[in-house]
Amino acid sequence: MKKAIFFHAGCPVCLSAEQDILNLIPADQIEVVHLGDEKDKVADAEKAGVKSVPALLTPNGNVLHINFGASIEDLK
């Protein structure tokens, strides 16, 4: 089974959303990616359709943009 991926950049909006998401989705079903620390994954996020963070990539490939912390362009 594919995991959901939660992309964020470490800002307060992102960290708050991360806690809410982790309370909703079991840890074994989600991967958390901090794009500020893992710059090599910014291209993967962008290719998946992430335009801003925080964002949740569902296992079937849909991107759910949550609030607005930072543009993906700002993370490059």
N, C-alpha and C. Protein backbone atom coordinates (compact mmCIF):
# COMPACT_ATOMS: atom_id res chain seq x y z
N MET A 1 0.83 -1.19 0.00
CA MET A 1 0.00 0.00 0.00
C MET A 1 0.88 1.25 0.00
N LYS A 2 0.55 2.18 -0.88
CA LYS A 2 1.29 3.44 -0.92
C LYS A 2 0.93 4.29 0.29
N LYS A 3 1.90 5.07 0.72
CA LYS A 3 1.69 5.98 1.83
C LYS A 3 1.29 7.37 1.32
N ALA A 4 0.60 8.10 2.16
CA ALA A 4 0.39 9.53 1.92
C ALA A 4 1.72 10.21 2.25
N ILE A 5 1.94 11.37 1.65
CA ILE A 5 3.15 12.14 1.95
C ILE A 5 2.72 13.55 2.34
N PHE A 6 3.17 13.98 3.51
CA PHE A 6 2.90 15.33 3.97
C PHE A 6 4.16 16.15 3.77
N PHE A 7 4.06 17.15 2.90
CA PHE A 7 5.19 18.04 2.61
C PHE A 7 5.03 19.32 3.41
N HIS A 8 6.11 19.78 4.03
CA HIS A 8 6.07 21.05 4.74
C HIS A 8 7.46 21.68 4.74
N ALA A 9 7.51 22.93 5.27
CA ALA A 9 8.77 23.66 5.27
C ALA A 9 9.21 24.08 6.67
N GLY A 10 8.49 23.64 7.68
CA GLY A 10 8.91 23.92 9.05
C GLY A 10 8.36 25.20 9.65
N CYS A 11 7.55 25.94 8.90
CA CYS A 11 6.98 27.18 9.44
C CYS A 11 5.88 26.84 10.45
N PRO A 12 5.44 27.81 11.25
CA PRO A 12 4.40 27.53 12.25
C PRO A 12 3.11 26.97 11.65
N VAL A 13 2.70 27.48 10.49
CA VAL A 13 1.50 26.95 9.82
C VAL A 13 1.71 25.48 9.49
N CYS A 14 2.88 25.15 8.95
CA CYS A 14 3.19 23.77 8.57
C CYS A 14 3.25 22.84 9.77
N LEU A 15 3.87 23.28 10.84
CA LEU A 15 4.01 22.45 12.02
C LEU A 15 2.67 22.18 12.68
N SER A 16 1.81 23.16 12.69
CA SER A 16 0.46 22.97 13.23
C SER A 16 -0.32 21.97 12.38
N ALA A 17 -0.24 22.13 11.06
CA ALA A 17 -0.92 21.21 10.15
C ALA A 17 -0.35 19.79 10.29
N GLU A 18 0.96 19.68 10.47
CA GLU A 18 1.59 18.37 10.63
C GLU A 18 1.00 17.63 11.84
N GLN A 19 0.86 18.33 12.95
CA GLN A 19 0.31 17.68 14.15
C GLN A 19 -1.12 17.22 13.91
N ASP A 20 -1.92 18.04 13.24
CA ASP A 20 -3.30 17.65 12.95
C ASP A 20 -3.35 16.43 12.02
N ILE A 21 -2.51 16.44 10.99
CA ILE A 21 -2.48 15.32 10.04
C ILE A 21 -2.04 14.05 10.74
N LEU A 22 -1.01 14.14 11.58
CA LEU A 22 -0.51 12.95 12.27
C LEU A 22 -1.52 12.41 13.28
N ASN A 23 -2.42 13.26 13.75
CA ASN A 23 -3.50 12.78 14.62
C ASN A 23 -4.60 12.09 13.83
N LEU A 24 -4.68 12.36 12.53
CA LEU A 24 -5.72 11.78 11.69
C LEU A 24 -5.28 10.52 10.95
N ILE A 25 -4.01 10.46 10.57
CA ILE A 25 -3.50 9.36 9.74
C ILE A 25 -2.49 8.57 10.55
N PRO A 26 -2.66 7.25 10.63
CA PRO A 26 -1.69 6.43 11.37
C PRO A 26 -0.26 6.59 10.82
N ALA A 27 0.72 6.59 11.71
CA ALA A 27 2.12 6.83 11.35
C ALA A 27 2.65 5.88 10.28
N ASP A 28 2.14 4.66 10.25
CA ASP A 28 2.64 3.70 9.25
C ASP A 28 2.03 3.93 7.87
N GLN A 29 1.12 4.92 7.76
CA GLN A 29 0.48 5.20 6.48
C GLN A 29 0.84 6.57 5.90
N ILE A 30 1.82 7.23 6.54
CA ILE A 30 2.21 8.56 6.07
C ILE A 30 3.71 8.78 6.21
N GLU A 31 4.25 9.52 5.26
CA GLU A 31 5.65 9.94 5.31
C GLU A 31 5.64 11.47 5.44
N VAL A 32 6.44 12.00 6.33
CA VAL A 32 6.54 13.45 6.50
C VAL A 32 7.86 13.91 5.88
N VAL A 33 7.76 14.88 4.98
CA VAL A 33 8.94 15.40 4.29
C VAL A 33 9.07 16.89 4.58
N HIS A 34 10.15 17.27 5.25
CA HIS A 34 10.46 18.67 5.55
C HIS A 34 11.31 19.19 4.40
N LEU A 35 10.69 19.94 3.50
CA LEU A 35 11.39 20.40 2.30
C LEU A 35 12.47 21.42 2.59
N GLY A 36 12.42 22.06 3.74
CA GLY A 36 13.50 22.97 4.12
C GLY A 36 14.78 22.21 4.43
N ASP A 37 14.62 21.00 4.98
CA ASP A 37 15.77 20.15 5.31
C ASP A 37 16.14 19.19 4.18
N GLU A 38 15.15 18.83 3.37
CA GLU A 38 15.36 17.84 2.31
C GLU A 38 15.14 18.51 0.94
N LYS A 39 16.03 19.45 0.62
CA LYS A 39 15.92 20.22 -0.62
C LYS A 39 15.88 19.33 -1.87
N ASP A 40 16.48 18.16 -1.78
CA ASP A 40 16.50 17.26 -2.94
C ASP A 40 15.12 16.71 -3.27
N LYS A 41 14.16 16.87 -2.37
CA LYS A 41 12.80 16.36 -2.60
C LYS A 41 11.84 17.44 -3.10
N VAL A 42 12.32 18.67 -3.24
CA VAL A 42 11.46 19.74 -3.75
C VAL A 42 10.99 19.42 -5.16
N ALA A 43 11.88 18.93 -6.00
CA ALA A 43 11.50 18.58 -7.38
C ALA A 43 10.46 17.47 -7.40
N ASP A 44 10.58 16.49 -6.50
CA ASP A 44 9.59 15.42 -6.42
C ASP A 44 8.22 15.97 -6.03
N ALA A 45 8.21 16.87 -5.07
CA ALA A 45 6.95 17.48 -4.63
C ALA A 45 6.32 18.27 -5.78
N GLU A 46 7.13 19.05 -6.46
CA GLU A 46 6.63 19.85 -7.58
C GLU A 46 6.09 18.95 -8.69
N LYS A 47 6.79 17.88 -8.99
CA LYS A 47 6.36 16.94 -10.03
C LYS A 47 5.02 16.29 -9.67
N ALA A 48 4.80 16.09 -8.37
CA ALA A 48 3.54 15.49 -7.90
C ALA A 48 2.38 16.49 -7.94
N GLY A 49 2.70 17.78 -8.13
CA GLY A 49 1.65 18.79 -8.22
C GLY A 49 1.56 19.72 -7.04
N VAL A 50 2.52 19.63 -6.12
CA VAL A 50 2.52 20.51 -4.95
C VAL A 50 2.90 21.93 -5.40
N LYS A 51 2.04 22.89 -5.08
CA LYS A 51 2.27 24.30 -5.44
C LYS A 51 2.69 25.12 -4.23
N SER A 52 2.28 24.66 -3.04
CA SER A 52 2.62 25.36 -1.80
C SER A 52 2.58 24.34 -0.66
N VAL A 53 3.20 24.72 0.43
CA VAL A 53 3.19 23.86 1.62
C VAL A 53 2.54 24.62 2.77
N PRO A 54 1.91 23.93 3.67
CA PRO A 54 1.81 22.48 3.81
C PRO A 54 0.87 21.88 2.76
N ALA A 55 1.18 20.65 2.37
CA ALA A 55 0.36 19.93 1.40
C ALA A 55 0.42 18.43 1.69
N LEU A 56 -0.68 17.78 1.43
CA LEU A 56 -0.76 16.34 1.61
C LEU A 56 -0.96 15.68 0.25
N LEU A 57 -0.05 14.80 -0.12
CA LEU A 57 -0.17 14.00 -1.33
C LEU A 57 -0.82 12.69 -0.93
N THR A 58 -2.02 12.44 -1.44
CA THR A 58 -2.74 11.23 -1.06
C THR A 58 -2.15 10.03 -1.80
N PRO A 59 -2.42 8.82 -1.30
CA PRO A 59 -1.87 7.63 -1.96
C PRO A 59 -2.29 7.48 -3.43
N ASN A 60 -3.44 8.04 -3.80
CA ASN A 60 -3.85 7.93 -5.20
C ASN A 60 -3.42 9.11 -6.06
N GLY A 61 -2.56 9.99 -5.50
CA GLY A 61 -1.94 11.05 -6.31
C GLY A 61 -2.59 12.41 -6.26
N ASN A 62 -3.63 12.59 -5.45
CA ASN A 62 -4.23 13.91 -5.32
C ASN A 62 -3.43 14.75 -4.34
N VAL A 63 -3.32 16.04 -4.61
CA VAL A 63 -2.62 16.95 -3.72
C VAL A 63 -3.65 17.82 -3.01
N LEU A 64 -3.60 17.79 -1.69
CA LEU A 64 -4.47 18.63 -0.88
C LEU A 64 -3.61 19.74 -0.27
N HIS A 65 -3.82 20.95 -0.76
CA HIS A 65 -3.07 22.10 -0.23
C HIS A 65 -3.78 22.58 1.03
N ILE A 66 -3.04 22.69 2.11
CA ILE A 66 -3.59 23.02 3.41
C ILE A 66 -3.10 24.41 3.80
N ASN A 67 -4.03 25.37 3.89
CA ASN A 67 -3.65 26.72 4.26
C ASN A 67 -2.57 27.22 3.31
N PHE A 68 -1.71 28.11 3.73
CA PHE A 68 -0.60 28.56 2.89
C PHE A 68 0.55 28.98 3.77
N GLY A 69 1.62 28.21 3.71
CA GLY A 69 2.81 28.52 4.48
C GLY A 69 3.89 29.12 3.60
N ALA A 70 4.16 28.47 2.47
CA ALA A 70 5.19 28.93 1.54
C ALA A 70 4.94 28.34 0.16
N SER A 71 5.27 29.10 -0.83
CA SER A 71 5.19 28.64 -2.21
C SER A 71 6.32 27.64 -2.48
N ILE A 72 6.07 26.68 -3.35
CA ILE A 72 7.11 25.71 -3.72
C ILE A 72 8.29 26.46 -4.38
N GLU A 73 8.00 27.57 -5.04
CA GLU A 73 9.05 28.39 -5.66
C GLU A 73 10.00 28.96 -4.60
N ASP A 74 9.45 29.30 -3.45
CA ASP A 74 10.27 29.85 -2.37
C ASP A 74 11.22 28.82 -1.77
N LEU A 75 10.95 27.56 -1.99
CA LEU A 75 11.76 26.49 -1.41
C LEU A 75 12.89 26.02 -2.32
N LYS A 76 12.88 26.50 -3.55
CA LYS A 76 13.91 26.09 -4.51
C LYS A 76 15.24 26.75 -4.21
